[in-house]
PDB file of all heavy atoms in Angstrom:
ATOM      1  N   GLU A   1       5.202   3.589   7.633  1.00  0.00           N
ATOM      2  CA  GLU A   1       6.240   3.774   6.608  1.00  0.00           C
ATOM      3  C   GLU A   1       7.374   2.762   6.806  1.00  0.00           C
ATOM      4  O   GLU A   1       7.708   2.419   7.934  1.00  0.00           O
ATOM      5  CB  GLU A   1       6.810   5.198   6.664  1.00  0.00           C
ATOM      6  CG  GLU A   1       5.869   6.278   6.149  1.00  0.00           C
ATOM      7  CD  GLU A   1       5.591   6.186   4.655  1.00  0.00           C
ATOM      8  OE1 GLU A   1       6.200   5.335   3.969  1.00  0.00           O
ATOM      9  OE2 GLU A   1       4.758   6.960   4.182  1.00  0.00           O
ATOM     10  N   PRO A   2       7.918   2.249   5.713  1.00  0.00           N
ATOM     11  CA  PRO A   2       7.703   2.635   4.310  1.00  0.00           C
ATOM     12  C   PRO A   2       6.514   1.946   3.644  1.00  0.00           C
ATOM     13  O   PRO A   2       6.348   2.068   2.425  1.00  0.00           O
ATOM     14  CB  PRO A   2       8.999   2.211   3.642  1.00  0.00           C
ATOM     15  CG  PRO A   2       9.403   0.979   4.407  1.00  0.00           C
ATOM     16  CD  PRO A   2       9.008   1.241   5.834  1.00  0.00           C
ATOM     17  N   ALA A   3       5.691   1.244   4.431  1.00  0.00           N
ATOM     18  CA  ALA A   3       4.586   0.476   3.840  1.00  0.00           C
ATOM     19  C   ALA A   3       3.669   1.345   2.983  1.00  0.00           C
ATOM     20  O   ALA A   3       3.321   0.976   1.851  1.00  0.00           O
ATOM     21  CB  ALA A   3       3.787  -0.209   4.940  1.00  0.00           C
ATOM     22  N   LYS A   4       3.291   2.508   3.504  1.00  0.00           N
ATOM     23  CA  LYS A   4       2.379   3.376   2.752  1.00  0.00           C
ATOM     24  C   LYS A   4       3.001   3.808   1.420  1.00  0.00           C
ATOM     25  O   LYS A   4       2.343   3.767   0.370  1.00  0.00           O
ATOM     26  CB  LYS A   4       2.024   4.600   3.591  1.00  0.00           C
ATOM     27  CG  LYS A   4       1.124   5.592   2.874  1.00  0.00           C
ATOM     28  CD  LYS A   4       1.055   6.906   3.645  1.00  0.00           C
ATOM     29  CE  LYS A   4       0.457   8.002   2.797  1.00  0.00           C
ATOM     30  NZ  LYS A   4       0.658   9.338   3.372  1.00  0.00           N
ATOM     31  N   THR A   5       4.243   4.225   1.447  1.00  0.00           N
ATOM     32  CA  THR A   5       4.935   4.649   0.225  1.00  0.00           C
ATOM     33  C   THR A   5       4.993   3.509  -0.792  1.00  0.00           C
ATOM     34  O   THR A   5       4.765   3.702  -1.989  1.00  0.00           O
ATOM     35  CB  THR A   5       6.354   5.136   0.558  1.00  0.00           C
ATOM     36  OG1 THR A   5       6.267   6.286   1.405  1.00  0.00           O
ATOM     37  CG2 THR A   5       7.132   5.488  -0.709  1.00  0.00           C
ATOM     38  N   PHE A   6       5.284   2.310  -0.316  1.00  0.00           N
ATOM     39  CA  PHE A   6       5.368   1.147  -1.200  1.00  0.00           C
ATOM     40  C   PHE A   6       4.011   0.805  -1.807  1.00  0.00           C
ATOM     41  O   PHE A   6       3.912   0.482  -3.000  1.00  0.00           O
ATOM     42  CB  PHE A   6       5.907  -0.057  -0.430  1.00  0.00           C
ATOM     43  CG  PHE A   6       7.377   0.017  -0.103  1.00  0.00           C
ATOM     44  CD1 PHE A   6       8.131   1.143  -0.401  1.00  0.00           C
ATOM     45  CD2 PHE A   6       8.016  -1.048   0.515  1.00  0.00           C
ATOM     46  CE1 PHE A   6       9.486   1.219  -0.105  1.00  0.00           C
ATOM     47  CE2 PHE A   6       9.368  -0.999   0.813  1.00  0.00           C
ATOM     48  CZ  PHE A   6      10.103   0.141   0.503  1.00  0.00           C
ATOM     49  N   VAL A   7       2.946   0.876  -1.006  1.00  0.00           N
ATOM     50  CA  VAL A   7       1.599   0.572  -1.506  1.00  0.00           C
ATOM     51  C   VAL A   7       1.174   1.595  -2.550  1.00  0.00           C
ATOM     52  O   VAL A   7       0.622   1.241  -3.605  1.00  0.00           O
ATOM     53  CB  VAL A   7       0.590   0.505  -0.348  1.00  0.00           C
ATOM     54  CG1 VAL A   7      -0.849   0.494  -0.877  1.00  0.00           C
ATOM     55  CG2 VAL A   7       0.839  -0.729   0.510  1.00  0.00           C
ATOM     56  N   LEU A   8       1.422   2.873  -2.288  1.00  0.00           N
ATOM     57  CA  LEU A   8       1.074   3.907  -3.260  1.00  0.00           C
ATOM     58  C   LEU A   8       1.846   3.712  -4.563  1.00  0.00           C
ATOM     59  O   LEU A   8       1.291   3.892  -5.659  1.00  0.00           O
ATOM     60  CB  LEU A   8       1.361   5.293  -2.679  1.00  0.00           C
ATOM     61  CG  LEU A   8       0.394   5.796  -1.608  1.00  0.00           C
ATOM     62  CD1 LEU A   8       0.904   7.078  -0.977  1.00  0.00           C
ATOM     63  CD2 LEU A   8      -0.998   6.019  -2.213  1.00  0.00           C
ATOM     64  N   ALA A   9       3.095   3.322  -4.453  1.00  0.00           N
ATOM     65  CA  ALA A   9       3.896   3.071  -5.659  1.00  0.00           C
ATOM     66  C   ALA A   9       3.306   1.918  -6.462  1.00  0.00           C
ATOM     67  O   ALA A   9       3.218   1.994  -7.702  1.00  0.00           O
ATOM     68  CB  ALA A   9       5.343   2.762  -5.265  1.00  0.00           C
ATOM     69  N   ALA A  10       2.889   0.863  -5.791  1.00  0.00           N
ATOM     70  CA  ALA A  10       2.296  -0.287  -6.485  1.00  0.00           C
ATOM     71  C   ALA A  10       0.987   0.095  -7.163  1.00  0.00           C
ATOM     72  O   ALA A  10       0.739  -0.267  -8.324  1.00  0.00           O
ATOM     73  CB  ALA A  10       2.075  -1.425  -5.501  1.00  0.00           C
ATOM     74  N   LEU A  11       0.141   0.846  -6.449  1.00  0.00           N
ATOM     75  CA  LEU A  11      -1.145   1.267  -7.028  1.00  0.00           C
ATOM     76  C   LEU A  11      -0.921   2.156  -8.246  1.00  0.00           C
ATOM     77  O   LEU A  11      -1.602   2.013  -9.276  1.00  0.00           O
ATOM     78  CB  LEU A  11      -1.977   2.004  -5.979  1.00  0.00           C
ATOM     79  CG  LEU A  11      -2.469   1.177  -4.784  1.00  0.00           C
ATOM     80  CD1 LEU A  11      -3.082   2.091  -3.723  1.00  0.00           C
ATOM     81  CD2 LEU A  11      -3.486   0.122  -5.224  1.00  0.00           C
ATOM     82  N   ASN A  12       0.022   3.069  -8.144  1.00  0.00           N
ATOM     83  CA  ASN A  12       0.307   3.969  -9.270  1.00  0.00           C
ATOM     84  C   ASN A  12       0.941   3.235 -10.442  1.00  0.00           C
ATOM     85  O   ASN A  12       0.889   3.710 -11.582  1.00  0.00           O
ATOM     86  CB  ASN A  12       1.224   5.113  -8.814  1.00  0.00           C
ATOM     87  CG  ASN A  12       0.447   6.231  -8.135  1.00  0.00           C
ATOM     88  OD1 ASN A  12      -0.596   6.652  -8.629  1.00  0.00           O
ATOM     89  ND2 ASN A  12       0.951   6.693  -6.998  1.00  0.00           N
ATOM     90  N   ALA A  13       1.511   2.072 -10.174  1.00  0.00           N
ATOM     91  CA  ALA A  13       2.081   1.259 -11.250  1.00  0.00           C
ATOM     92  C   ALA A  13       1.043   0.335 -11.879  1.00  0.00           C
ATOM     93  O   ALA A  13       1.374  -0.473 -12.756  1.00  0.00           O
ATOM     94  CB  ALA A  13       3.253   0.431 -10.704  1.00  0.00           C
ATOM     95  N   GLY A  14      -0.203   0.466 -11.440  1.00  0.00           N
ATOM     96  CA  GLY A  14      -1.274  -0.343 -12.007  1.00  0.00           C
ATOM     97  C   GLY A  14      -1.413  -1.721 -11.397  1.00  0.00           C
ATOM     98  O   GLY A  14      -2.035  -2.609 -11.992  1.00  0.00           O
ATOM     99  N   LYS A  15      -0.840  -1.911 -10.200  1.00  0.00           N
ATOM    100  CA  LYS A  15      -0.950  -3.199  -9.511  1.00  0.00           C
ATOM    101  C   LYS A  15      -2.075  -3.118  -8.462  1.00  0.00           C
ATOM    102  O   LYS A  15      -2.199  -2.121  -7.759  1.00  0.00           O
ATOM    103  CB  LYS A  15       0.350  -3.556  -8.775  1.00  0.00           C
ATOM    104  CG  LYS A  15       1.636  -3.298  -9.545  1.00  0.00           C
ATOM    105  CD  LYS A  15       1.822  -4.229 -10.724  1.00  0.00           C
ATOM    106  CE  LYS A  15       3.214  -4.045 -11.337  1.00  0.00           C
ATOM    107  NZ  LYS A  15       3.410  -4.858 -12.554  1.00  0.00           N
ATOM    108  N   SER A  16      -2.880  -4.163  -8.382  1.00  0.00           N
ATOM    109  CA  SER A  16      -3.822  -4.248  -7.272  1.00  0.00           C
ATOM    110  C   SER A  16      -3.041  -4.569  -6.005  1.00  0.00           C
ATOM    111  O   SER A  16      -1.939  -5.139  -6.056  1.00  0.00           O
ATOM    112  CB  SER A  16      -4.866  -5.328  -7.531  1.00  0.00           C
ATOM    113  OG  SER A  16      -5.749  -4.940  -8.573  1.00  0.00           O
ATOM    114  N   VAL A  17      -3.606  -4.197  -4.847  1.00  0.00           N
ATOM    115  CA  VAL A  17      -2.905  -4.377  -3.577  1.00  0.00           C
ATOM    116  C   VAL A  17      -3.793  -5.120  -2.588  1.00  0.00           C
ATOM    117  O   VAL A  17      -4.992  -4.848  -2.474  1.00  0.00           O
ATOM    118  CB  VAL A  17      -2.480  -3.013  -2.974  1.00  0.00           C
ATOM    119  CG1 VAL A  17      -2.028  -3.176  -1.515  1.00  0.00           C
ATOM    120  CG2 VAL A  17      -1.359  -2.397  -3.805  1.00  0.00           C
ATOM    121  N   VAL A  18      -3.181  -6.057  -1.873  1.00  0.00           N
ATOM    122  CA  VAL A  18      -3.806  -6.742  -0.740  1.00  0.00           C
ATOM    123  C   VAL A  18      -2.948  -6.438   0.477  1.00  0.00           C
ATOM    124  O   VAL A  18      -1.723  -6.616   0.430  1.00  0.00           O
ATOM    125  CB  VAL A  18      -3.879  -8.268  -0.972  1.00  0.00           C
ATOM    126  CG1 VAL A  18      -4.367  -8.973   0.295  1.00  0.00           C
ATOM    127  CG2 VAL A  18      -4.795  -8.585  -2.152  1.00  0.00           C
ATOM    128  N   THR A  19      -3.554  -5.969   1.564  1.00  0.00           N
ATOM    129  CA  THR A  19      -2.783  -5.589   2.743  1.00  0.00           C
ATOM    130  C   THR A  19      -3.381  -6.166   4.019  1.00  0.00           C
ATOM    131  O   THR A  19      -4.588  -6.369   4.109  1.00  0.00           O
ATOM    132  CB  THR A  19      -2.674  -4.054   2.870  1.00  0.00           C
ATOM    133  OG1 THR A  19      -1.895  -3.726   4.032  1.00  0.00           O
ATOM    134  CG2 THR A  19      -4.045  -3.404   3.000  1.00  0.00           C
ATOM    135  N   SER A  20      -2.504  -6.403   4.996  1.00  0.00           N
ATOM    136  CA  SER A  20      -2.937  -6.816   6.335  1.00  0.00           C
ATOM    137  C   SER A  20      -2.629  -5.729   7.362  1.00  0.00           C
ATOM    138  O   SER A  20      -2.770  -5.942   8.564  1.00  0.00           O
ATOM    139  CB  SER A  20      -2.211  -8.103   6.744  1.00  0.00           C
ATOM    140  OG  SER A  20      -0.810  -7.877   6.844  1.00  0.00           O
ATOM    141  N   ASN A  21      -2.238  -4.556   6.876  1.00  0.00           N
ATOM    142  CA  ASN A  21      -1.705  -3.493   7.722  1.00  0.00           C
ATOM    143  C   ASN A  21      -2.821  -2.596   8.246  1.00  0.00           C
ATOM    144  O   ASN A  21      -3.197  -1.612   7.624  1.00  0.00           O
ATOM    145  CB  ASN A  21      -0.702  -2.673   6.905  1.00  0.00           C
ATOM    146  CG  ASN A  21       0.130  -1.744   7.746  1.00  0.00           C
ATOM    147  OD1 ASN A  21      -0.288  -1.290   8.798  1.00  0.00           O
ATOM    148  ND2 ASN A  21       1.327  -1.457   7.263  1.00  0.00           N
ATOM    149  N   LYS A  22      -3.351  -2.925   9.445  1.00  0.00           N
ATOM    150  CA  LYS A  22      -4.529  -2.203   9.955  1.00  0.00           C
ATOM    151  C   LYS A  22      -4.225  -0.744  10.307  1.00  0.00           C
ATOM    152  O   LYS A  22      -5.043   0.129  10.072  1.00  0.00           O
ATOM    153  CB  LYS A  22      -5.152  -2.944  11.136  1.00  0.00           C
ATOM    154  CG  LYS A  22      -4.550  -2.734  12.511  1.00  0.00           C
ATOM    155  CD  LYS A  22      -3.359  -3.611  12.773  1.00  0.00           C
ATOM    156  CE  LYS A  22      -3.723  -5.060  12.819  1.00  0.00           C
ATOM    157  NZ  LYS A  22      -2.570  -5.931  13.142  1.00  0.00           N
ATOM    158  N   GLU A  23      -3.040  -0.454  10.845  1.00  0.00           N
ATOM    159  CA  GLU A  23      -2.740   0.936  11.212  1.00  0.00           C
ATOM    160  C   GLU A  23      -2.636   1.804   9.962  1.00  0.00           C
ATOM    161  O   GLU A  23      -3.246   2.876   9.891  1.00  0.00           O
ATOM    162  CB  GLU A  23      -1.452   1.032  12.025  1.00  0.00           C
ATOM    163  CG  GLU A  23      -1.133   2.462  12.427  1.00  0.00           C
ATOM    164  CD  GLU A  23       0.154   2.601  13.229  1.00  0.00           C
ATOM    165  OE1 GLU A  23       0.866   1.589  13.408  1.00  0.00           O
ATOM    166  OE2 GLU A  23       0.453   3.733  13.661  1.00  0.00           O
ATOM    167  N   MET A  24      -1.864   1.360   8.987  1.00  0.00           N
ATOM    168  CA  MET A  24      -1.721   2.139   7.762  1.00  0.00           C
ATOM    169  C   MET A  24      -3.055   2.307   7.053  1.00  0.00           C
ATOM    170  O   MET A  24      -3.423   3.408   6.624  1.00  0.00           O
ATOM    171  CB  MET A  24      -0.729   1.461   6.816  1.00  0.00           C
ATOM    172  CG  MET A  24      -0.545   2.192   5.495  1.00  0.00           C
ATOM    173  SD  MET A  24       0.128   1.161   4.177  1.00  0.00           S
ATOM    174  CE  MET A  24      -1.200  -0.001   3.894  1.00  0.00           C
ATOM    175  N   PHE A  25      -3.818   1.205   6.955  1.00  0.00           N
ATOM    176  CA  PHE A  25      -5.080   1.280   6.231  1.00  0.00           C
ATOM    177  C   PHE A  25      -6.084   2.156   6.969  1.00  0.00           C
ATOM    178  O   PHE A  25      -6.795   2.957   6.355  1.00  0.00           O
ATOM    179  CB  PHE A  25      -5.660  -0.117   6.018  1.00  0.00           C
ATOM    180  CG  PHE A  25      -6.818  -0.122   5.056  1.00  0.00           C
ATOM    181  CD1 PHE A  25      -6.591  -0.152   3.693  1.00  0.00           C
ATOM    182  CD2 PHE A  25      -8.121  -0.048   5.517  1.00  0.00           C
ATOM    183  CE1 PHE A  25      -7.654  -0.117   2.793  1.00  0.00           C
ATOM    184  CE2 PHE A  25      -9.191  -0.024   4.639  1.00  0.00           C
ATOM    185  CZ  PHE A  25      -8.956  -0.057   3.274  1.00  0.00           C
ATOM    186  N   CYS A  26      -6.146   2.016   8.289  1.00  0.00           N
ATOM    187  CA  CYS A  26      -7.068   2.837   9.070  1.00  0.00           C
ATOM    188  C   CYS A  26      -6.775   4.323   8.884  1.00  0.00           C
ATOM    189  O   CYS A  26      -7.687   5.122   8.675  1.00  0.00           O
ATOM    190  CB  CYS A  26      -6.950   2.455  10.545  1.00  0.00           C
ATOM    191  SG  CYS A  26      -7.711   3.624  11.689  1.00  0.00           S
TER     192      CYS A  26
END
């Protein structure tokens, strides 16, 4: 956090997401 919250906000806004965040993604 806040990475997860920000990614979810982007996805819900209809944006595709590219991430390098292994802990959050795992």
